[in-house]
Amino acid sequence: MSLNLEATQAIQAIQALFFLLQAIQAIQAGFKMDRKRVDRIIEIKEKLKKDKEREVEEAAAKMAVICADIASVERQIDDNYAKLSAHSLSGNDFAVITDYLDYLNVSKSDLLCEKASMQETVDFLREELYEFARELKMLAKLQEKVNKAFKKSENRREQKLLDEMALRLEGKRI
């Protein structure tokens, strides 16, 4: 399921990049960008951004679980050290507790490694999220330029029609 989701996200990202490349090429060539195309690009990027936000939230939740597990292991370690110092233990009990403490220390180090790995993942996802936000901001500016160009062409068309109407009215008066 997650493989299909990742494949879908990758396809959407490729499509968005393709549309973005077309938009940049169109602007460089001096052509006016189709408003629907810009809207579609923005829509795809916003969807990808939401997916990244969800991934960041999921990773943060996993990180919280790992931190809780680390705290639990630390409490168990403290409890067992308290058992070692509080009671007079037989050699067998002492060996069992020290072995369990070794196990807990190994578990704690594994959890710390997992936490570091998860932190890298969270940092990477946040960086990607920042990139999506930057791209969306750039696309919003592009959309604004496209809207201005569209409005300008509409105004020119209206002015041309008004000028033609004025010329016809002027021609009828003479």
Protein backbone atom coordinates (compact mmCIF):
# COMPACT_ATOMS: atom_id res chain seq x y z
CA MET A 1 0.00 0.00 0.00
CA SER A 2 2.71 2.48 0.97
CA LEU A 3 4.67 1.45 -2.15
CA ASN A 4 1.68 2.38 -4.32
CA LEU A 5 1.32 5.65 -2.41
CA GLU A 6 4.99 6.42 -2.92
CA ALA A 7 4.74 5.52 -6.62
CA THR A 8 1.68 7.75 -7.00
CA GLN A 9 3.47 10.59 -5.22
CA ALA A 10 6.51 10.12 -7.43
CA ILE A 11 4.35 10.22 -10.57
CA GLN A 12 2.59 13.36 -9.35
CA ALA A 13 5.92 14.96 -8.54
CA ILE A 14 7.21 14.15 -12.03
CA GLN A 15 4.04 15.56 -13.59
CA ALA A 16 4.34 18.71 -11.52
CA LEU A 17 7.98 19.12 -12.48
CA PHE A 18 7.07 18.56 -16.14
CA PHE A 19 4.36 21.23 -15.94
CA LEU A 20 6.72 23.53 -14.10
CA LEU A 21 9.37 23.03 -16.78
CA GLN A 22 6.79 23.81 -19.46
CA ALA A 23 5.76 26.93 -17.56
CA ILE A 24 9.34 28.13 -17.29
CA GLN A 25 9.97 27.42 -20.96
CA ALA A 26 6.80 29.25 -21.94
CA ILE A 27 7.76 32.27 -19.88
CA GLN A 28 11.26 32.26 -21.31
CA ALA A 29 9.82 32.05 -24.82
CA GLY A 30 7.52 34.96 -24.08
CA PHE A 31 4.28 33.01 -24.42
CA LYS A 32 1.39 33.58 -22.13
CA MET A 33 0.82 30.70 -19.75
CA ASP A 34 -2.58 29.06 -19.72
CA ARG A 35 -4.34 29.84 -16.45
CA LYS A 36 -5.78 26.34 -16.19
CA ARG A 37 -2.33 24.82 -16.50
CA VAL A 38 -0.94 27.01 -13.72
CA ASP A 39 -3.94 26.19 -11.55
CA ARG A 40 -3.38 22.48 -12.19
CA ILE A 41 0.31 22.75 -11.31
CA ILE A 42 -0.55 24.58 -8.10
CA GLU A 43 -3.21 22.00 -7.27
CA ILE A 44 -0.72 19.14 -7.72
CA LYS A 45 1.95 20.91 -5.67
CA GLU A 46 -0.53 21.63 -2.87
CA LYS A 47 -1.55 17.97 -2.82
CA LEU A 48 2.09 16.91 -2.65
CA LYS A 49 2.69 19.44 0.11
CA LYS A 50 -0.24 18.03 2.10
CA ASP A 51 1.14 14.52 1.64
CA LYS A 52 4.54 15.70 2.93
CA GLU A 53 2.86 17.39 5.90
CA ARG A 54 1.12 14.10 6.68
CA GLU A 55 4.41 12.22 6.39
CA VAL A 56 6.07 14.73 8.74
CA GLU A 57 3.25 14.28 11.25
CA GLU A 58 3.53 10.49 11.04
CA ALA A 59 7.31 10.64 11.50
CA ALA A 60 6.90 13.01 14.45
CA ALA A 61 4.40 10.59 16.01
CA LYS A 62 6.84 7.71 15.56
CA MET A 63 9.53 9.89 17.11
CA ALA A 64 7.30 10.55 20.11
CA VAL A 65 6.71 6.79 20.53
CA ILE A 66 10.45 6.15 20.38
CA CYS A 67 11.10 8.87 22.97
CA ALA A 68 8.45 7.34 25.23
CA ASP A 69 10.08 3.93 24.81
CA ILE A 70 13.46 5.41 25.71
CA ALA A 71 11.99 7.00 28.83
CA SER A 72 10.39 3.68 29.78
CA VAL A 73 13.66 1.80 29.35
CA GLU A 74 15.48 4.43 31.42
CA ARG A 75 12.90 4.01 34.20
CA GLN A 76 13.35 0.24 34.09
CA ILE A 77 17.11 0.68 34.29
CA ASP A 78 16.76 2.99 37.30
CA ASP A 79 14.35 0.55 38.99
CA ASN A 80 16.74 -2.34 38.52
CA TYR A 81 19.68 -0.35 39.84
CA ALA A 82 17.52 0.47 42.84
CA LYS A 83 16.83 -3.25 43.31
CA LEU A 84 20.55 -3.95 43.16
CA SER A 85 21.35 -1.46 45.88
CA ALA A 86 18.28 -1.93 48.10
CA HIS A 87 18.35 -5.62 48.85
CA SER A 88 20.97 -8.16 49.61
CA LEU A 89 20.74 -10.47 46.64
CA SER A 90 21.92 -13.96 46.02
CA GLY A 91 24.48 -14.48 43.28
CA ASN A 92 21.86 -15.91 40.95
CA ASP A 93 19.47 -12.94 41.41
CA PHE A 94 22.38 -10.54 41.00
CA ALA A 95 23.38 -12.22 37.71
CA VAL A 96 19.79 -12.11 36.42
CA ILE A 97 19.42 -8.41 37.23
CA THR A 98 22.80 -7.49 35.73
CA ASP A 99 21.99 -9.46 32.57
CA TYR A 100 18.62 -7.69 32.38
CA LEU A 101 20.39 -4.35 32.86
CA ASP A 102 22.74 -5.20 29.99
CA TYR A 103 19.70 -6.06 27.85
CA LEU A 104 18.03 -2.77 28.79
CA ASN A 105 21.19 -0.81 27.96
CA VAL A 106 21.39 -2.50 24.55
CA SER A 107 17.69 -1.76 24.01
CA LYS A 108 18.26 1.85 24.99
CA SER A 109 21.18 2.23 22.57
CA ASP A 110 19.09 0.65 19.78
CA LEU A 111 16.26 3.06 20.52
CA LEU A 112 18.68 6.00 20.51
CA CYS A 113 19.98 4.91 17.10
CA GLU A 114 16.41 4.57 15.85
CA LYS A 115 15.62 8.02 17.25
CA ALA A 116 18.61 9.52 15.44
CA SER A 117 17.54 7.83 12.21
CA MET A 118 13.98 9.06 12.64
CA GLN A 119 15.26 12.58 13.34
CA GLU A 120 17.16 12.50 10.05
CA THR A 121 13.98 11.38 8.31
CA VAL A 122 11.97 14.17 9.94
CA ASP A 123 14.62 16.73 8.99
CA PHE A 124 14.65 15.46 5.40
CA LEU A 125 10.85 15.57 5.17
CA ARG A 126 10.76 19.08 6.60
CA GLU A 127 13.35 20.16 4.04
CA GLU A 128 11.20 18.70 1.25
CA LEU A 129 8.16 20.43 2.74
CA TYR A 130 10.07 23.72 2.71
CA GLU A 131 10.95 23.15 -0.96
CA PHE A 132 7.28 22.53 -1.79
CA ALA A 133 6.33 25.72 0.03
CA ARG A 134 8.97 27.62 -1.94
CA GLU A 135 7.72 26.16 -5.23
CA LEU A 136 4.14 27.03 -4.32
CA LYS A 137 5.17 30.60 -3.58
CA MET A 138 6.94 30.78 -6.93
CA LEU A 139 3.89 29.32 -8.67
CA ALA A 140 1.63 31.83 -6.94
CA LYS A 141 3.80 34.61 -8.37
CA LEU A 142 3.62 32.94 -11.77
CA GLN A 143 -0.15 32.70 -11.47
CA GLU A 144 -0.28 36.37 -10.57
CA LYS A 145 1.75 37.23 -13.68
CA VAL A 146 -0.49 35.06 -15.85
CA ASN A 147 -3.58 36.73 -14.40
CA LYS A 148 -2.08 40.17 -15.04
CA ALA A 149 -1.27 39.22 -18.63
CA PHE A 150 -4.78 37.84 -19.10
CA LYS A 151 -6.33 40.96 -17.61
CA LYS A 152 -4.12 43.14 -19.80
CA SER A 153 -5.14 41.28 -22.96
CA GLU A 154 -8.81 41.49 -21.91
CA ASN A 155 -8.46 45.22 -21.35
CA ARG A 156 -6.82 45.63 -24.76
CA ARG A 157 -9.60 43.62 -26.41
CA GLU A 158 -12.26 45.71 -24.66
CA GLN A 159 -10.48 48.93 -25.59
CA LYS A 160 -10.26 47.79 -29.21
CA LEU A 161 -14.01 47.05 -29.25
CA LEU A 162 -14.76 50.42 -27.65
CA ASP A 163 -12.56 52.20 -30.19
CA GLU A 164 -14.29 50.37 -33.06
CA MET A 165 -17.70 51.31 -31.63
CA ALA A 166 -16.61 54.93 -31.28
CA LEU A 167 -15.36 54.97 -34.88
CA ARG A 168 -18.65 53.52 -36.13
CA LEU A 169 -20.65 56.06 -34.15
CA GLU A 170 -18.42 58.83 -35.46
CA GLY A 171 -18.89 57.51 -39.01
CA LYS A 172 -22.71 57.56 -38.62
CA ARG A 173 -22.72 61.17 -37.43
CA ILE A 174 -20.92 62.43 -40.46
